[in-house]
Amino acid sequence: MSQCRWTFYDPNEGTQTLGLYHGDESGHVMIYLNEQVVIIDFEVHQTKSYSLMFNQSLLELKLNKINGEFLYKFEGTRVNEAKSSLDRIKSLFSFPFS
C-alpha cells in the first residue's frame, strides 16, 4: 500500500495535513484531511486527479501512472491568489472596444 502525507499552512486554521492511502492491488484510494476522510475511490489503476476546497485554498492531488508505477503530487493554491493572477492575465489581453 502506498501512503503519502503533505503538510501545508492555512492562514485561518494553521498547519494542516493532507494524506493518501492507495492500495497496491485493489487500487482503492482514501484521501484524508486532518485525520478526517474526505474522498474514497475504488479501483484506481490509471492516472487520476482529485480537487477539493479547504477554506480559501484549492487542494489538488494528482496520481500519475508512469511506467507502471504511481507518482503522487500535491498542489495547493489560495483562491484569492489564483483569482488575482487570472485578473492580471485578463488585463494583459483586454482591449477597450468602442
N, C-alpha and C. Protein backbone atom coordinates (compact mmCIF):
# COMPACT_ATOMS: atom_id res chain seq x y z
N MET A 1 0.85 -1.18 0.00
CA MET A 1 0.00 0.00 0.00
C MET A 1 0.88 1.23 0.00
N SER A 2 0.58 2.16 -0.90
CA SER A 2 1.30 3.42 -0.95
C SER A 2 0.64 4.41 0.00
N GLN A 3 1.47 5.14 0.71
CA GLN A 3 0.97 6.16 1.62
C GLN A 3 1.80 7.42 1.44
N CYS A 4 1.11 8.55 1.40
CA CYS A 4 1.80 9.84 1.32
C CYS A 4 1.10 10.81 2.26
N ARG A 5 1.87 11.77 2.74
CA ARG A 5 1.31 12.80 3.61
C ARG A 5 2.02 14.11 3.34
N TRP A 6 1.21 15.17 3.22
CA TRP A 6 1.75 16.50 2.97
C TRP A 6 1.23 17.44 4.05
N THR A 7 2.04 18.41 4.40
CA THR A 7 1.64 19.42 5.37
C THR A 7 1.64 20.77 4.66
N PHE A 8 0.59 21.55 4.91
CA PHE A 8 0.51 22.89 4.33
C PHE A 8 -0.03 23.84 5.39
N TYR A 9 0.17 25.11 5.15
CA TYR A 9 -0.24 26.13 6.11
C TYR A 9 -1.45 26.89 5.58
N ASP A 10 -2.48 26.99 6.40
CA ASP A 10 -3.65 27.80 6.09
C ASP A 10 -3.66 28.99 7.05
N PRO A 11 -3.74 30.22 6.52
CA PRO A 11 -3.67 31.40 7.39
C PRO A 11 -4.76 31.45 8.47
N ASN A 12 -5.91 30.86 8.18
CA ASN A 12 -7.01 30.89 9.16
C ASN A 12 -6.94 29.75 10.17
N GLU A 13 -6.46 28.59 9.74
CA GLU A 13 -6.50 27.39 10.58
C GLU A 13 -5.14 26.88 11.03
N GLY A 14 -4.06 27.43 10.47
CA GLY A 14 -2.73 26.97 10.84
C GLY A 14 -2.30 25.77 10.01
N THR A 15 -1.43 24.95 10.59
CA THR A 15 -0.86 23.80 9.89
C THR A 15 -1.93 22.73 9.68
N GLN A 16 -1.99 22.23 8.43
CA GLN A 16 -2.96 21.21 8.05
C GLN A 16 -2.23 20.03 7.42
N THR A 17 -2.87 18.86 7.45
CA THR A 17 -2.27 17.66 6.88
C THR A 17 -3.23 17.03 5.88
N LEU A 18 -2.72 16.74 4.69
CA LEU A 18 -3.46 16.02 3.67
C LEU A 18 -2.74 14.70 3.46
N GLY A 19 -3.50 13.61 3.48
CA GLY A 19 -2.87 12.29 3.35
C GLY A 19 -3.58 11.42 2.34
N LEU A 20 -2.87 10.39 1.89
CA LEU A 20 -3.37 9.49 0.87
C LEU A 20 -2.96 8.06 1.19
N TYR A 21 -3.90 7.14 1.02
CA TYR A 21 -3.61 5.71 1.02
C TYR A 21 -4.05 5.19 -0.34
N HIS A 22 -3.23 4.36 -0.99
CA HIS A 22 -3.56 3.81 -2.30
C HIS A 22 -3.17 2.34 -2.29
N GLY A 23 -4.18 1.47 -2.35
CA GLY A 23 -3.92 0.03 -2.33
C GLY A 23 -3.18 -0.44 -3.56
N ASP A 24 -2.11 -1.21 -3.35
CA ASP A 24 -1.28 -1.67 -4.46
C ASP A 24 -2.07 -2.54 -5.44
N GLU A 25 -2.78 -3.53 -4.93
CA GLU A 25 -3.50 -4.44 -5.81
C GLU A 25 -4.94 -4.00 -6.05
N SER A 26 -5.62 -3.56 -5.02
CA SER A 26 -7.04 -3.18 -5.16
C SER A 26 -7.20 -1.87 -5.91
N GLY A 27 -6.23 -0.96 -5.75
CA GLY A 27 -6.32 0.36 -6.36
C GLY A 27 -7.21 1.30 -5.58
N HIS A 28 -7.75 0.86 -4.46
CA HIS A 28 -8.62 1.72 -3.67
C HIS A 28 -7.84 2.91 -3.12
N VAL A 29 -8.47 4.09 -3.17
CA VAL A 29 -7.85 5.33 -2.72
C VAL A 29 -8.67 5.92 -1.58
N MET A 30 -7.97 6.36 -0.54
CA MET A 30 -8.60 7.11 0.55
C MET A 30 -7.76 8.36 0.77
N ILE A 31 -8.42 9.51 0.73
CA ILE A 31 -7.75 10.79 0.97
C ILE A 31 -8.33 11.38 2.24
N TYR A 32 -7.46 11.83 3.11
CA TYR A 32 -7.92 12.41 4.36
C TYR A 32 -7.31 13.79 4.57
N LEU A 33 -8.05 14.61 5.29
CA LEU A 33 -7.59 15.94 5.65
C LEU A 33 -7.71 16.05 7.16
N ASN A 34 -6.56 16.20 7.82
CA ASN A 34 -6.52 16.28 9.29
C ASN A 34 -7.23 15.09 9.94
N GLU A 35 -6.90 13.89 9.47
CA GLU A 35 -7.41 12.64 10.02
C GLU A 35 -8.91 12.43 9.78
N GLN A 36 -9.51 13.22 8.90
CA GLN A 36 -10.92 13.05 8.54
C GLN A 36 -10.98 12.66 7.06
N VAL A 37 -11.60 11.52 6.78
CA VAL A 37 -11.69 11.03 5.40
C VAL A 37 -12.56 11.99 4.59
N VAL A 38 -12.04 12.42 3.44
CA VAL A 38 -12.79 13.35 2.58
C VAL A 38 -13.11 12.75 1.21
N ILE A 39 -12.34 11.76 0.76
CA ILE A 39 -12.60 11.12 -0.53
C ILE A 39 -12.25 9.64 -0.41
N ILE A 40 -13.14 8.80 -0.94
CA ILE A 40 -12.86 7.39 -1.11
C ILE A 40 -13.17 7.07 -2.56
N ASP A 41 -12.26 6.37 -3.23
CA ASP A 41 -12.46 6.00 -4.63
C ASP A 41 -11.96 4.56 -4.78
N PHE A 42 -12.66 3.79 -5.59
CA PHE A 42 -12.34 2.37 -5.72
C PHE A 42 -11.71 2.07 -7.08
N GLU A 43 -10.81 1.10 -7.08
CA GLU A 43 -10.18 0.57 -8.28
C GLU A 43 -9.54 1.63 -9.18
N VAL A 44 -8.69 2.43 -8.58
CA VAL A 44 -7.95 3.46 -9.33
C VAL A 44 -6.65 2.83 -9.80
N HIS A 45 -6.63 2.48 -11.09
CA HIS A 45 -5.45 1.81 -11.66
C HIS A 45 -4.78 2.64 -12.74
N GLN A 46 -5.31 3.83 -13.02
CA GLN A 46 -4.75 4.71 -14.04
C GLN A 46 -4.56 6.11 -13.45
N THR A 47 -3.92 6.98 -14.21
CA THR A 47 -3.72 8.37 -13.80
C THR A 47 -5.06 9.01 -13.46
N LYS A 48 -5.08 9.75 -12.36
CA LYS A 48 -6.31 10.41 -11.93
C LYS A 48 -5.95 11.59 -11.04
N SER A 49 -6.84 12.57 -10.96
CA SER A 49 -6.61 13.70 -10.07
C SER A 49 -7.87 13.99 -9.27
N TYR A 50 -7.66 14.61 -8.11
CA TYR A 50 -8.75 14.96 -7.21
C TYR A 50 -8.57 16.42 -6.80
N SER A 51 -9.68 17.14 -6.67
CA SER A 51 -9.66 18.53 -6.22
C SER A 51 -10.64 18.69 -5.07
N LEU A 52 -10.25 19.48 -4.09
CA LEU A 52 -11.16 19.81 -3.00
C LEU A 52 -10.82 21.17 -2.45
N MET A 53 -11.81 21.79 -1.84
CA MET A 53 -11.62 23.12 -1.24
C MET A 53 -11.44 22.98 0.26
N PHE A 54 -10.51 23.76 0.80
CA PHE A 54 -10.36 23.89 2.25
C PHE A 54 -10.23 25.37 2.54
N ASN A 55 -11.22 25.93 3.22
CA ASN A 55 -11.29 27.37 3.45
C ASN A 55 -11.14 28.09 2.11
N GLN A 56 -10.12 28.90 1.93
CA GLN A 56 -9.91 29.62 0.68
C GLN A 56 -8.83 28.99 -0.19
N SER A 57 -8.54 27.71 0.05
CA SER A 57 -7.49 27.03 -0.73
C SER A 57 -8.08 25.92 -1.59
N LEU A 58 -7.61 25.87 -2.83
CA LEU A 58 -7.94 24.76 -3.72
C LEU A 58 -6.82 23.75 -3.60
N LEU A 59 -7.15 22.54 -3.16
CA LEU A 59 -6.15 21.49 -2.99
C LEU A 59 -6.30 20.50 -4.13
N GLU A 60 -5.19 20.20 -4.79
CA GLU A 60 -5.21 19.26 -5.90
C GLU A 60 -4.21 18.14 -5.64
N LEU A 61 -4.69 16.92 -5.77
CA LEU A 61 -3.86 15.76 -5.56
C LEU A 61 -3.85 14.96 -6.87
N LYS A 62 -2.67 14.71 -7.41
CA LYS A 62 -2.56 14.03 -8.70
C LYS A 62 -1.87 12.69 -8.52
N LEU A 63 -2.48 11.66 -9.08
CA LEU A 63 -1.90 10.33 -9.09
C LEU A 63 -1.52 10.05 -10.54
N ASN A 64 -0.25 10.06 -10.83
CA ASN A 64 0.23 9.86 -12.20
C ASN A 64 0.87 8.49 -12.33
N LYS A 65 0.33 7.70 -13.26
CA LYS A 65 0.91 6.38 -13.51
C LYS A 65 1.92 6.51 -14.64
N ILE A 66 3.17 6.24 -14.31
CA ILE A 66 4.27 6.35 -15.28
C ILE A 66 5.07 5.06 -15.23
N ASN A 67 5.19 4.41 -16.38
CA ASN A 67 5.93 3.15 -16.49
C ASN A 67 5.46 2.12 -15.46
N GLY A 68 4.13 2.05 -15.27
CA GLY A 68 3.56 1.05 -14.37
C GLY A 68 3.61 1.39 -12.90
N GLU A 69 4.14 2.54 -12.55
CA GLU A 69 4.22 2.94 -11.13
C GLU A 69 3.55 4.28 -10.94
N PHE A 70 2.99 4.48 -9.74
CA PHE A 70 2.32 5.74 -9.44
C PHE A 70 3.27 6.74 -8.78
N LEU A 71 3.16 7.98 -9.22
CA LEU A 71 3.82 9.11 -8.57
C LEU A 71 2.72 10.01 -8.05
N TYR A 72 2.89 10.54 -6.85
CA TYR A 72 1.85 11.33 -6.20
C TYR A 72 2.33 12.77 -6.04
N LYS A 73 1.45 13.72 -6.38
CA LYS A 73 1.83 15.13 -6.30
C LYS A 73 0.68 15.92 -5.67
N PHE A 74 1.02 16.81 -4.75
CA PHE A 74 0.05 17.67 -4.10
C PHE A 74 0.36 19.11 -4.44
N GLU A 75 -0.69 19.88 -4.79
CA GLU A 75 -0.56 21.31 -5.03
C GLU A 75 -1.69 22.03 -4.31
N GLY A 76 -1.36 23.11 -3.67
CA GLY A 76 -2.38 23.93 -3.01
C GLY A 76 -2.28 25.36 -3.50
N THR A 77 -3.42 25.95 -3.82
CA THR A 77 -3.45 27.32 -4.32
C THR A 77 -4.50 28.11 -3.56
N ARG A 78 -4.11 29.26 -3.06
CA ARG A 78 -5.09 30.14 -2.42
C ARG A 78 -5.99 30.70 -3.51
N VAL A 79 -7.29 30.62 -3.30
CA VAL A 79 -8.25 31.06 -4.31
C VAL A 79 -8.07 32.53 -4.64
N ASN A 80 -7.86 33.37 -3.65
CA ASN A 80 -7.68 34.80 -3.91
C ASN A 80 -6.44 35.06 -4.74
N GLU A 81 -5.35 34.29 -4.48
CA GLU A 81 -4.13 34.44 -5.27
C GLU A 81 -4.38 34.01 -6.71
N ALA A 82 -5.10 32.90 -6.88
CA ALA A 82 -5.38 32.42 -8.24
C ALA A 82 -6.26 33.42 -8.97
N LYS A 83 -7.24 33.98 -8.29
CA LYS A 83 -8.13 34.97 -8.91
C LYS A 83 -7.34 36.21 -9.29
N SER A 84 -6.44 36.66 -8.42
CA SER A 84 -5.61 37.83 -8.73
C SER A 84 -4.74 37.58 -9.95
N SER A 85 -4.16 36.39 -10.03
CA SER A 85 -3.33 36.04 -11.18
C SER A 85 -4.16 36.04 -12.45
N LEU A 86 -5.36 35.48 -12.38
CA LEU A 86 -6.23 35.43 -13.54
C LEU A 86 -6.64 36.84 -13.96
N ASP A 87 -6.95 37.69 -13.00
CA ASP A 87 -7.31 39.08 -13.31
C ASP A 87 -6.14 39.80 -14.00
N ARG A 88 -4.90 39.56 -13.52
CA ARG A 88 -3.72 40.18 -14.15
C ARG A 88 -3.56 39.71 -15.58
N ILE A 89 -3.76 38.42 -15.81
CA ILE A 89 -3.64 37.88 -17.16
C ILE A 89 -4.72 38.47 -18.06
N LYS A 90 -5.95 38.55 -17.56
CA LYS A 90 -7.04 39.13 -18.35
C LYS A 90 -6.74 40.57 -18.71
N SER A 91 -6.18 41.33 -17.77
CA SER A 91 -5.89 42.73 -18.05
C SER A 91 -4.82 42.90 -19.12
N LEU A 92 -3.93 41.93 -19.24
CA LEU A 92 -2.90 41.97 -20.28
C LEU A 92 -3.50 41.82 -21.68
N PHE A 93 -4.61 41.09 -21.75
CA PHE A 93 -5.19 40.78 -23.05
C PHE A 93 -6.51 41.51 -23.31
N SER A 94 -6.90 42.41 -22.44
CA SER A 94 -8.15 43.12 -22.67
C SER A 94 -7.87 44.42 -23.41
N PHE A 95 -8.71 44.70 -24.36
CA PHE A 95 -8.57 45.90 -25.16
C PHE A 95 -9.87 46.71 -25.06
N PRO A 96 -9.77 48.00 -24.97
CA PRO A 96 -11.01 48.81 -24.95
C PRO A 96 -11.69 48.74 -26.31
N PHE A 97 -12.97 48.49 -26.28
CA PHE A 97 -13.75 48.47 -27.51
C PHE A 97 -14.66 49.67 -27.53
N SER A 98 -14.83 50.28 -28.73
CA SER A 98 -15.70 51.45 -28.80
C SER A 98 -16.93 51.12 -29.60
